[in-house]
Amino acid sequence: MEKFRESSKTKMVVLVATLLLGIAGAAPSYGEQPRLTQVVYITLTKACGCTLVICQAGDIVVGNVFNGAKQGLLKRIDYSSDKEAARVYIKKYRVTQAPALLFLDAQGNLLWMKAGELSESEITAQLGKFGM
């Protein structure tokens, strides 16, 4: 029983030290805005008529918004030709509709998502919230 208590105490001390020293990883300070590091755009080039029209319109919107320096943030995945890459994001972030735009931080946490019809003004406003 004594060994169990020592083991539990040791584990608790390590846990507290880890949390206090930040060994668990860098976390934003209280009130600090998370940093947008990647934008994933999932689209389709082969789909039924109405879905294809929405995806083609999304392609135009994303192309207009993510140009110049912002282009480096964008990872474009076509589900029609790269299902495996798309499925990782679809499963993890529960994407139910194409096209889908995912804003992610450095740890892969979802900061914002929009699926279906995309709007330049809405995307630009969201980028502004992340200082872009």
C-alpha atoms as a PDB file:
ATOM      1  CA  MET A   1       0.000   0.000   0.000  1.00  0.00           C
ATOM      2  CA  GLU A   2       2.874   2.354   0.828  1.00  0.00           C
ATOM      3  CA  LYS A   3       4.423   1.788  -2.637  1.00  0.00           C
ATOM      4  CA  PHE A   4       1.083   2.576  -4.248  1.00  0.00           C
ATOM      5  CA  ARG A   5       0.876   5.904  -2.389  1.00  0.00           C
ATOM      6  CA  GLU A   6       4.420   6.844  -3.400  1.00  0.00           C
ATOM      7  CA  SER A   7       3.696   5.933  -7.001  1.00  0.00           C
ATOM      8  CA  SER A   8       0.480   7.979  -6.973  1.00  0.00           C
ATOM      9  CA  LYS A   9       2.246  10.944  -5.363  1.00  0.00           C
ATOM     10  CA  THR A  10       5.041  10.756  -7.916  1.00  0.00           C
ATOM     11  CA  LYS A  11       2.570  10.688 -10.787  1.00  0.00           C
ATOM     12  CA  MET A  12       0.673  13.639  -9.334  1.00  0.00           C
ATOM     13  CA  VAL A  13       3.886  15.677  -8.903  1.00  0.00           C
ATOM     14  CA  VAL A  14       4.906  14.949 -12.503  1.00  0.00           C
ATOM     15  CA  LEU A  15       1.450  15.924 -13.758  1.00  0.00           C
ATOM     16  CA  VAL A  16       1.436  19.200 -11.820  1.00  0.00           C
ATOM     17  CA  ALA A  17       4.984  20.024 -12.936  1.00  0.00           C
ATOM     18  CA  THR A  18       4.061  19.287 -16.524  1.00  0.00           C
ATOM     19  CA  LEU A  19       1.073  21.597 -16.384  1.00  0.00           C
ATOM     20  CA  LEU A  20       2.895  24.384 -14.550  1.00  0.00           C
ATOM     21  CA  LEU A  21       6.000  24.305 -16.703  1.00  0.00           C
ATOM     22  CA  GLY A  22       4.088  24.017 -19.941  1.00  0.00           C
ATOM     23  CA  ILE A  23       5.797  20.822 -21.010  1.00  0.00           C
ATOM     24  CA  ALA A  24       2.469  19.609 -22.381  1.00  0.00           C
ATOM     25  CA  GLY A  25       2.818  22.089 -25.233  1.00  0.00           C
ATOM     26  CA  ALA A  26       2.412  25.733 -25.922  1.00  0.00           C
ATOM     27  CA  ALA A  27      -1.094  26.944 -25.290  1.00  0.00           C
ATOM     28  CA  PRO A  28      -2.439  30.386 -26.026  1.00  0.00           C
ATOM     29  CA  SER A  29      -2.691  32.694 -23.047  1.00  0.00           C
ATOM     30  CA  TYR A  30      -6.107  33.391 -21.622  1.00  0.00           C
ATOM     31  CA  GLY A  31      -7.923  35.724 -23.995  1.00  0.00           C
ATOM     32  CA  GLU A  32      -5.320  35.296 -26.742  1.00  0.00           C
ATOM     33  CA  GLN A  33      -6.674  34.556 -30.222  1.00  0.00           C
ATOM     34  CA  PRO A  34      -5.545  31.158 -31.602  1.00  0.00           C
ATOM     35  CA  ARG A  35      -3.263  31.465 -34.613  1.00  0.00           C
ATOM     36  CA  LEU A  36      -4.530  30.329 -38.002  1.00  0.00           C
ATOM     37  CA  THR A  37      -1.794  28.265 -39.664  1.00  0.00           C
ATOM     38  CA  GLN A  38      -3.595  26.239 -42.335  1.00  0.00           C
ATOM     39  CA  VAL A  39      -6.761  26.386 -44.397  1.00  0.00           C
ATOM     40  CA  VAL A  40      -7.990  23.123 -45.923  1.00  0.00           C
ATOM     41  CA  TYR A  41     -10.373  23.328 -48.847  1.00  0.00           C
ATOM     42  CA  ILE A  42     -12.185  20.106 -49.776  1.00  0.00           C
ATOM     43  CA  THR A  43     -14.022  20.154 -53.084  1.00  0.00           C
ATOM     44  CA  LEU A  44     -15.337  17.861 -55.806  1.00  0.00           C
ATOM     45  CA  THR A  45     -14.625  17.961 -59.533  1.00  0.00           C
ATOM     46  CA  LYS A  46     -17.000  15.084 -60.243  1.00  0.00           C
ATOM     47  CA  ALA A  47     -20.486  15.293 -58.731  1.00  0.00           C
ATOM     48  CA  CYS A  48     -24.168  15.611 -59.582  1.00  0.00           C
ATOM     49  CA  GLY A  49     -25.221  18.836 -61.280  1.00  0.00           C
ATOM     50  CA  CYS A  50     -26.244  21.005 -58.326  1.00  0.00           C
ATOM     51  CA  THR A  51     -23.324  19.918 -56.110  1.00  0.00           C
ATOM     52  CA  LEU A  52     -20.868  20.448 -58.955  1.00  0.00           C
ATOM     53  CA  VAL A  53     -22.172  23.991 -59.516  1.00  0.00           C
ATOM     54  CA  ILE A  54     -21.740  24.819 -55.800  1.00  0.00           C
ATOM     55  CA  CYS A  55     -18.208  23.347 -55.796  1.00  0.00           C
ATOM     56  CA  GLN A  56     -17.227  25.265 -58.952  1.00  0.00           C
ATOM     57  CA  ALA A  57     -18.516  28.488 -57.389  1.00  0.00           C
ATOM     58  CA  GLY A  58     -16.552  27.637 -54.219  1.00  0.00           C
ATOM     59  CA  ASP A  59     -13.408  27.128 -56.307  1.00  0.00           C
ATOM     60  CA  ILE A  60     -13.791  30.670 -57.663  1.00  0.00           C
ATOM     61  CA  VAL A  61     -14.411  32.163 -54.212  1.00  0.00           C
ATOM     62  CA  VAL A  62     -11.429  30.355 -52.661  1.00  0.00           C
ATOM     63  CA  GLY A  63      -9.227  31.365 -55.596  1.00  0.00           C
ATOM     64  CA  ASN A  64     -10.242  35.009 -55.164  1.00  0.00           C
ATOM     65  CA  VAL A  65      -9.690  35.072 -51.394  1.00  0.00           C
ATOM     66  CA  PHE A  66      -6.534  32.969 -51.140  1.00  0.00           C
ATOM     67  CA  ASN A  67      -4.153  34.729 -53.462  1.00  0.00           C
ATOM     68  CA  GLY A  68      -0.776  36.325 -52.871  1.00  0.00           C
ATOM     69  CA  ALA A  69       0.589  35.709 -49.373  1.00  0.00           C
ATOM     70  CA  LYS A  70      -2.614  33.970 -48.255  1.00  0.00           C
ATOM     71  CA  GLN A  71      -2.109  31.284 -50.894  1.00  0.00           C
ATOM     72  CA  GLY A  72       0.553  29.695 -48.662  1.00  0.00           C
ATOM     73  CA  LEU A  73      -2.112  28.887 -46.049  1.00  0.00           C
ATOM     74  CA  LEU A  74      -4.285  26.900 -48.449  1.00  0.00           C
ATOM     75  CA  LYS A  75      -4.279  23.146 -48.907  1.00  0.00           C
ATOM     76  CA  ARG A  76      -6.704  22.140 -51.665  1.00  0.00           C
ATOM     77  CA  ILE A  77      -8.028  18.570 -51.749  1.00  0.00           C
ATOM     78  CA  ASP A  78     -10.265  17.222 -54.496  1.00  0.00           C
ATOM     79  CA  TYR A  79     -12.292  14.343 -53.058  1.00  0.00           C
ATOM     80  CA  SER A  80     -12.923  13.071 -56.590  1.00  0.00           C
ATOM     81  CA  SER A  81      -9.237  12.383 -57.188  1.00  0.00           C
ATOM     82  CA  ASP A  82      -7.734  12.093 -53.667  1.00  0.00           C
ATOM     83  CA  LYS A  83     -10.304  10.364 -51.467  1.00  0.00           C
ATOM     84  CA  GLU A  84      -7.791   9.138 -48.867  1.00  0.00           C
ATOM     85  CA  ALA A  85      -6.418  12.604 -48.109  1.00  0.00           C
ATOM     86  CA  ALA A  86      -9.920  14.073 -47.952  1.00  0.00           C
ATOM     87  CA  ARG A  87     -11.284  11.308 -45.715  1.00  0.00           C
ATOM     88  CA  VAL A  88      -8.808  12.174 -42.961  1.00  0.00           C
ATOM     89  CA  TYR A  89     -10.306  15.663 -42.677  1.00  0.00           C
ATOM     90  CA  ILE A  90     -13.883  14.564 -43.346  1.00  0.00           C
ATOM     91  CA  LYS A  91     -13.763  12.074 -40.491  1.00  0.00           C
ATOM     92  CA  LYS A  92     -11.815  14.193 -38.002  1.00  0.00           C
ATOM     93  CA  TYR A  93     -13.870  17.363 -38.487  1.00  0.00           C
ATOM     94  CA  ARG A  94     -17.180  15.696 -39.401  1.00  0.00           C
ATOM     95  CA  VAL A  95     -17.521  17.360 -42.776  1.00  0.00           C
ATOM     96  CA  THR A  96     -20.928  16.532 -44.250  1.00  0.00           C
ATOM     97  CA  GLN A  97     -21.055  18.651 -47.396  1.00  0.00           C
ATOM     98  CA  ALA A  98     -18.804  19.827 -50.199  1.00  0.00           C
ATOM     99  CA  PRO A  99     -17.232  22.198 -50.679  1.00  0.00           C
ATOM    100  CA  ALA A 100     -15.826  22.633 -47.183  1.00  0.00           C
ATOM    101  CA  LEU A 101     -13.353  25.165 -45.859  1.00  0.00           C
ATOM    102  CA  LEU A 102     -11.536  24.392 -42.594  1.00  0.00           C
ATOM    103  CA  PHE A 103      -9.463  26.890 -40.626  1.00  0.00           C
ATOM    104  CA  LEU A 104      -6.913  25.063 -38.431  1.00  0.00           C
ATOM    105  CA  ASP A 105      -4.314  26.074 -35.863  1.00  0.00           C
ATOM    106  CA  ALA A 106      -0.804  24.605 -35.601  1.00  0.00           C
ATOM    107  CA  GLN A 107      -2.060  21.656 -33.523  1.00  0.00           C
ATOM    108  CA  GLY A 108      -4.790  20.825 -36.044  1.00  0.00           C
ATOM    109  CA  ASN A 109      -7.588  22.206 -33.895  1.00  0.00           C
ATOM    110  CA  LEU A 110     -10.572  23.458 -35.845  1.00  0.00           C
ATOM    111  CA  LEU A 111     -10.956  27.221 -35.501  1.00  0.00           C
ATOM    112  CA  TRP A 112     -13.771  27.717 -38.031  1.00  0.00           C
ATOM    113  CA  MET A 113     -15.532  25.718 -40.710  1.00  0.00           C
ATOM    114  CA  LYS A 114     -17.892  26.524 -43.549  1.00  0.00           C
ATOM    115  CA  ALA A 115     -19.515  23.917 -45.781  1.00  0.00           C
ATOM    116  CA  GLY A 116     -21.738  24.356 -48.827  1.00  0.00           C
ATOM    117  CA  GLU A 117     -22.038  27.735 -50.476  1.00  0.00           C
ATOM    118  CA  LEU A 118     -19.011  29.905 -49.752  1.00  0.00           C
ATOM    119  CA  SER A 119     -19.026  33.688 -49.558  1.00  0.00           C
ATOM    120  CA  GLU A 120     -15.963  35.868 -50.156  1.00  0.00           C
ATOM    121  CA  SER A 121     -17.149  38.417 -47.607  1.00  0.00           C
ATOM    122  CA  GLU A 122     -17.758  35.783 -44.913  1.00  0.00           C
ATOM    123  CA  ILE A 123     -14.360  34.151 -45.462  1.00  0.00           C
ATOM    124  CA  THR A 124     -12.605  37.519 -45.538  1.00  0.00           C
ATOM    125  CA  ALA A 125     -14.344  38.505 -42.282  1.00  0.00           C
ATOM    126  CA  GLN A 126     -13.189  35.264 -40.629  1.00  0.00           C
ATOM    127  CA  LEU A 127      -9.637  35.811 -41.864  1.00  0.00           C
ATOM    128  CA  GLY A 128      -9.791  39.304 -40.348  1.00  0.00           C
ATOM    129  CA  LYS A 129     -10.616  37.785 -36.973  1.00  0.00           C
ATOM    130  CA  PHE A 130      -7.313  35.932 -37.185  1.00  0.00           C
ATOM    131  CA  GLY A 131      -5.384  39.055 -38.216  1.00  0.00           C
ATOM    132  CA  MET A 132      -5.147  38.207 -41.889  1.00  0.00           C
END
